[in-house]
Amino acid sequence: MQLITTLGRLVAYLEKGLLALMLGAMILIATTQIVMRNVWGTGIDWSDPLLRVMVLWIGLLGAIAATRDGNHIKIDLLSKLLPTTARRFLTPLTNLISATICAIICYHAIRFVAMEYHDGTTAFATVPAWVCELIIPIGFGLMALRFLTDAFSTLLTMPQQNVK
């Protein structure tokens, strides 16, 4: 159990570090581009496509982190209307549904990235598009895994009722 907790913390630090690094790089690249355009009337050809890819990566890394911390968008109208006993089963159920949806998106994202790989499309400079798009199946795969583990951990930590 301690190994899982340590591994979870390590992954969280890695995610936060990657988010901070990407955001810092985006700010640096965008600022450099603005200064170059306004002062010297030139710019870096590949910076705009790179910034678009970085927005994609930051968005999905943020979604992964939000899923980890339980800060993702939730529609919980039912949880407010249902009685307490029914609410206990709603969270694992919604986590299972969310895991299923994320897994379906991950599957189709894998197919999309594979098509991009076979087509040999480039995103910018000589960087293949599939490399830039890898975050889509990785992100939704990690979110599916997190929702699934949250569903089972919620079920396992539910108080057991005595059956007579």
C-alpha atoms as a PDB file:
ATOM      1  CA  MET A   1       0.000   0.000   0.000  1.00  0.00           C
ATOM      2  CA  GLN A   2       2.856   2.384   0.836  1.00  0.00           C
ATOM      3  CA  LEU A   3       4.445   1.690  -2.557  1.00  0.00           C
ATOM      4  CA  ILE A   4       1.202   2.686  -4.303  1.00  0.00           C
ATOM      5  CA  THR A   5       0.986   5.888  -2.246  1.00  0.00           C
ATOM      6  CA  THR A   6       4.617   6.759  -3.015  1.00  0.00           C
ATOM      7  CA  LEU A   7       4.108   6.002  -6.707  1.00  0.00           C
ATOM      8  CA  GLY A   8       0.977   8.177  -6.725  1.00  0.00           C
ATOM      9  CA  ARG A   9       2.886  11.080  -5.175  1.00  0.00           C
ATOM     10  CA  LEU A  10       5.710  10.664  -7.686  1.00  0.00           C
ATOM     11  CA  VAL A  11       3.257  10.737 -10.607  1.00  0.00           C
ATOM     12  CA  ALA A  12       1.552  13.826  -9.122  1.00  0.00           C
ATOM     13  CA  TYR A  13       4.908  15.639  -8.830  1.00  0.00           C
ATOM     14  CA  LEU A  14       5.759  14.642 -12.394  1.00  0.00           C
ATOM     15  CA  GLU A  15       2.402  15.953 -13.652  1.00  0.00           C
ATOM     16  CA  LYS A  16       2.741  19.229 -11.741  1.00  0.00           C
ATOM     17  CA  GLY A  17       6.332  19.664 -12.903  1.00  0.00           C
ATOM     18  CA  LEU A  18       5.412  19.021 -16.527  1.00  0.00           C
ATOM     19  CA  LEU A  19       2.499  21.469 -16.279  1.00  0.00           C
ATOM     20  CA  ALA A  20       4.740  24.170 -14.796  1.00  0.00           C
ATOM     21  CA  LEU A  21       7.475  23.537 -17.350  1.00  0.00           C
ATOM     22  CA  MET A  22       5.052  23.673 -20.282  1.00  0.00           C
ATOM     23  CA  LEU A  23       3.357  26.818 -18.993  1.00  0.00           C
ATOM     24  CA  GLY A  24       6.717  28.530 -18.463  1.00  0.00           C
ATOM     25  CA  ALA A  25       7.878  27.505 -21.930  1.00  0.00           C
ATOM     26  CA  MET A  26       4.619  28.783 -23.451  1.00  0.00           C
ATOM     27  CA  ILE A  27       5.010  32.156 -21.764  1.00  0.00           C
ATOM     28  CA  LEU A  28       8.638  32.389 -22.868  1.00  0.00           C
ATOM     29  CA  ILE A  29       7.906  31.414 -26.489  1.00  0.00           C
ATOM     30  CA  ALA A  30       4.865  33.697 -26.771  1.00  0.00           C
ATOM     31  CA  THR A  31       6.730  36.649 -25.229  1.00  0.00           C
ATOM     32  CA  THR A  32       9.717  36.090 -27.508  1.00  0.00           C
ATOM     33  CA  GLN A  33       7.427  35.928 -30.527  1.00  0.00           C
ATOM     34  CA  ILE A  34       5.662  39.178 -29.562  1.00  0.00           C
ATOM     35  CA  VAL A  35       8.950  41.018 -28.994  1.00  0.00           C
ATOM     36  CA  MET A  36      10.456  39.718 -32.232  1.00  0.00           C
ATOM     37  CA  ARG A  37       7.405  40.780 -34.248  1.00  0.00           C
ATOM     38  CA  ASN A  38       7.083  44.229 -32.680  1.00  0.00           C
ATOM     39  CA  VAL A  39      10.772  45.130 -32.468  1.00  0.00           C
ATOM     40  CA  TRP A  40      12.379  43.422 -35.463  1.00  0.00           C
ATOM     41  CA  GLY A  41       9.363  42.707 -37.663  1.00  0.00           C
ATOM     42  CA  THR A  42      10.132  38.978 -37.758  1.00  0.00           C
ATOM     43  CA  GLY A  43       9.260  35.877 -35.805  1.00  0.00           C
ATOM     44  CA  ILE A  44       9.840  32.179 -35.402  1.00  0.00           C
ATOM     45  CA  ASP A  45       7.891  30.291 -38.083  1.00  0.00           C
ATOM     46  CA  TRP A  46       7.096  27.245 -35.962  1.00  0.00           C
ATOM     47  CA  SER A  47       6.249  29.034 -32.686  1.00  0.00           C
ATOM     48  CA  ASP A  48       2.513  29.484 -33.347  1.00  0.00           C
ATOM     49  CA  PRO A  49       1.872  25.804 -34.190  1.00  0.00           C
ATOM     50  CA  LEU A  50       4.033  24.795 -31.215  1.00  0.00           C
ATOM     51  CA  LEU A  51       1.990  27.018 -28.907  1.00  0.00           C
ATOM     52  CA  ARG A  52      -1.246  25.421 -30.172  1.00  0.00           C
ATOM     53  CA  VAL A  53       0.165  21.968 -29.420  1.00  0.00           C
ATOM     54  CA  MET A  54       1.290  23.134 -25.986  1.00  0.00           C
ATOM     55  CA  VAL A  55      -2.230  24.402 -25.243  1.00  0.00           C
ATOM     56  CA  LEU A  56      -3.534  20.906 -26.067  1.00  0.00           C
ATOM     57  CA  TRP A  57      -0.947  19.319 -23.768  1.00  0.00           C
ATOM     58  CA  ILE A  58      -1.601  21.743 -20.898  1.00  0.00           C
ATOM     59  CA  GLY A  59      -5.356  21.270 -21.236  1.00  0.00           C
ATOM     60  CA  LEU A  60      -5.137  17.497 -21.026  1.00  0.00           C
ATOM     61  CA  LEU A  61      -2.448  17.517 -18.321  1.00  0.00           C
ATOM     62  CA  GLY A  62      -4.727  19.835 -16.353  1.00  0.00           C
ATOM     63  CA  ALA A  63      -7.651  17.453 -16.881  1.00  0.00           C
ATOM     64  CA  ILE A  64      -5.503  14.557 -15.648  1.00  0.00           C
ATOM     65  CA  ALA A  65      -4.529  16.551 -12.545  1.00  0.00           C
ATOM     66  CA  ALA A  66      -8.150  17.606 -11.941  1.00  0.00           C
ATOM     67  CA  THR A  67      -9.234  13.976 -12.146  1.00  0.00           C
ATOM     68  CA  ARG A  68      -6.485  13.000  -9.689  1.00  0.00           C
ATOM     69  CA  ASP A  69      -7.603  15.625  -7.169  1.00  0.00           C
ATOM     70  CA  GLY A  70     -11.349  15.215  -7.769  1.00  0.00           C
ATOM     71  CA  ASN A  71     -11.616  18.792  -9.081  1.00  0.00           C
ATOM     72  CA  HIS A  72     -13.099  17.907 -12.454  1.00  0.00           C
ATOM     73  CA  ILE A  73     -16.484  19.184 -13.551  1.00  0.00           C
ATOM     74  CA  LYS A  74     -19.282  17.201 -11.941  1.00  0.00           C
ATOM     75  CA  ILE A  75     -22.979  17.266 -12.624  1.00  0.00           C
ATOM     76  CA  ASP A  76     -24.407  16.229  -9.291  1.00  0.00           C
ATOM     77  CA  LEU A  77     -28.069  17.125  -9.431  1.00  0.00           C
ATOM     78  CA  LEU A  78     -29.046  13.537  -8.614  1.00  0.00           C
ATOM     79  CA  SER A  79     -26.828  13.424  -5.534  1.00  0.00           C
ATOM     80  CA  LYS A  80     -28.744  16.350  -4.070  1.00  0.00           C
ATOM     81  CA  LEU A  81     -32.141  14.732  -4.720  1.00  0.00           C
ATOM     82  CA  LEU A  82     -31.439  11.135  -3.701  1.00  0.00           C
ATOM     83  CA  PRO A  83     -31.609   9.806  -0.156  1.00  0.00           C
ATOM     84  CA  THR A  84     -28.307   9.207   1.674  1.00  0.00           C
ATOM     85  CA  THR A  85     -28.338   5.433   1.172  1.00  0.00           C
ATOM     86  CA  ALA A  86     -28.730   5.790  -2.596  1.00  0.00           C
ATOM     87  CA  ARG A  87     -26.064   8.515  -2.758  1.00  0.00           C
ATOM     88  CA  ARG A  88     -23.403   6.105  -1.513  1.00  0.00           C
ATOM     89  CA  PHE A  89     -23.733   4.074  -4.695  1.00  0.00           C
ATOM     90  CA  LEU A  90     -24.020   7.060  -7.032  1.00  0.00           C
ATOM     91  CA  THR A  91     -20.353   8.125  -6.792  1.00  0.00           C
ATOM     92  CA  PRO A  92     -18.905   4.728  -7.781  1.00  0.00           C
ATOM     93  CA  LEU A  93     -21.506   4.443 -10.548  1.00  0.00           C
ATOM     94  CA  THR A  94     -20.693   7.860 -12.005  1.00  0.00           C
ATOM     95  CA  ASN A  95     -16.976   7.065 -11.745  1.00  0.00           C
ATOM     96  CA  LEU A  96     -17.538   3.827 -13.674  1.00  0.00           C
ATOM     97  CA  ILE A  97     -19.522   5.682 -16.343  1.00  0.00           C
ATOM     98  CA  SER A  98     -16.803   8.339 -16.561  1.00  0.00           C
ATOM     99  CA  ALA A  99     -14.126   5.631 -16.819  1.00  0.00           C
ATOM    100  CA  THR A 100     -16.061   3.980 -19.643  1.00  0.00           C
ATOM    101  CA  ILE A 101     -16.445   7.235 -21.571  1.00  0.00           C
ATOM    102  CA  CYS A 102     -12.746   8.111 -21.122  1.00  0.00           C
ATOM    103  CA  ALA A 103     -11.758   4.582 -22.221  1.00  0.00           C
ATOM    104  CA  ILE A 104     -13.872   4.896 -25.386  1.00  0.00           C
ATOM    105  CA  ILE A 105     -12.295   8.264 -26.184  1.00  0.00           C
ATOM    106  CA  CYS A 106      -8.840   6.761 -25.485  1.00  0.00           C
ATOM    107  CA  TYR A 107      -9.528   3.903 -27.902  1.00  0.00           C
ATOM    108  CA  HIS A 108     -10.575   6.239 -30.700  1.00  0.00           C
ATOM    109  CA  ALA A 109      -7.675   8.596 -29.934  1.00  0.00           C
ATOM    110  CA  ILE A 110      -5.279   5.650 -30.353  1.00  0.00           C
ATOM    111  CA  ARG A 111      -6.849   4.953 -33.739  1.00  0.00           C
ATOM    112  CA  PHE A 112      -6.513   8.648 -34.681  1.00  0.00           C
ATOM    113  CA  VAL A 113      -2.845   8.822 -33.638  1.00  0.00           C
ATOM    114  CA  ALA A 114      -2.138   5.597 -35.555  1.00  0.00           C
ATOM    115  CA  MET A 115      -3.715   7.089 -38.700  1.00  0.00           C
ATOM    116  CA  GLU A 116      -1.592  10.223 -38.285  1.00  0.00           C
ATOM    117  CA  TYR A 117       1.498   8.038 -37.877  1.00  0.00           C
ATOM    118  CA  HIS A 118       0.743   6.074 -41.060  1.00  0.00           C
ATOM    119  CA  ASP A 119      -0.064   9.259 -43.006  1.00  0.00           C
ATOM    120  CA  GLY A 120       3.254  10.824 -41.992  1.00  0.00           C
ATOM    121  CA  THR A 121       1.689  14.222 -41.296  1.00  0.00           C
ATOM    122  CA  THR A 122       3.937  16.878 -39.774  1.00  0.00           C
ATOM    123  CA  ALA A 123       2.689  19.340 -37.164  1.00  0.00           C
ATOM    124  CA  PHE A 124       5.440  21.954 -37.505  1.00  0.00           C
ATOM    125  CA  ALA A 125       9.064  22.028 -38.616  1.00  0.00           C
ATOM    126  CA  THR A 126       9.872  18.308 -38.932  1.00  0.00           C
ATOM    127  CA  VAL A 127       7.919  17.168 -35.858  1.00  0.00           C
ATOM    128  CA  PRO A 128       5.408  14.437 -36.741  1.00  0.00           C
ATOM    129  CA  ALA A 129       1.800  15.252 -35.852  1.00  0.00           C
ATOM    130  CA  TRP A 130       1.313  11.934 -34.069  1.00  0.00           C
ATOM    131  CA  VAL A 131       3.961  12.848 -31.491  1.00  0.00           C
ATOM    132  CA  CYS A 132       2.094  16.059 -30.671  1.00  0.00           C
ATOM    133  CA  GLU A 133      -1.217  14.175 -30.435  1.00  0.00           C
ATOM    134  CA  LEU A 134       0.026  11.403 -28.141  1.00  0.00           C
ATOM    135  CA  ILE A 135      -1.296  13.292 -25.130  1.00  0.00           C
ATOM    136  CA  ILE A 136      -4.874  12.583 -26.228  1.00  0.00           C
ATOM    137  CA  PRO A 137      -4.853   8.783 -25.755  1.00  0.00           C
ATOM    138  CA  ILE A 138      -2.432   9.056 -22.819  1.00  0.00           C
ATOM    139  CA  GLY A 139      -4.582  11.671 -21.099  1.00  0.00           C
ATOM    140  CA  PHE A 140      -7.892   9.912 -21.553  1.00  0.00           C
ATOM    141  CA  GLY A 141      -6.313   6.556 -20.688  1.00  0.00           C
ATOM    142  CA  LEU A 142      -4.968   7.951 -17.409  1.00  0.00           C
ATOM    143  CA  MET A 143      -8.299   9.594 -16.628  1.00  0.00           C
ATOM    144  CA  ALA A 144     -10.120   6.311 -17.304  1.00  0.00           C
ATOM    145  CA  LEU A 145      -7.721   4.509 -14.987  1.00  0.00           C
ATOM    146  CA  ARG A 146      -8.170   7.122 -12.271  1.00  0.00           C
ATOM    147  CA  PHE A 147     -11.959   7.045 -12.505  1.00  0.00           C
ATOM    148  CA  LEU A 148     -11.869   3.246 -12.367  1.00  0.00           C
ATOM    149  CA  THR A 149      -9.596   3.136  -9.319  1.00  0.00           C
ATOM    150  CA  ASP A 150     -11.706   5.826  -7.628  1.00  0.00           C
ATOM    151  CA  ALA A 151     -14.853   3.776  -8.247  1.00  0.00           C
ATOM    152  CA  PHE A 152     -13.363   0.638  -6.727  1.00  0.00           C
ATOM    153  CA  SER A 153     -11.711   2.422  -3.815  1.00  0.00           C
ATOM    154  CA  THR A 154     -15.040   4.103  -3.008  1.00  0.00           C
ATOM    155  CA  LEU A 155     -16.803   0.737  -3.101  1.00  0.00           C
ATOM    156  CA  LEU A 156     -14.141  -0.892  -0.942  1.00  0.00           C
ATOM    157  CA  THR A 157     -14.238   1.840   1.700  1.00  0.00           C
ATOM    158  CA  MET A 158     -18.033   1.873   2.002  1.00  0.00           C
ATOM    159  CA  PRO A 159     -19.249   0.868   5.436  1.00  0.00           C
ATOM    160  CA  GLN A 160     -20.521  -2.680   5.368  1.00  0.00           C
ATOM    161  CA  GLN A 161     -24.072  -3.222   6.562  1.00  0.00           C
ATOM    162  CA  ASN A 162     -24.804  -6.189   8.774  1.00  0.00           C
ATOM    163  CA  VAL A 163     -27.099  -8.626   7.030  1.00  0.00           C
ATOM    164  CA  LYS A 164     -29.236 -10.789   9.342  1.00  0.00           C
END
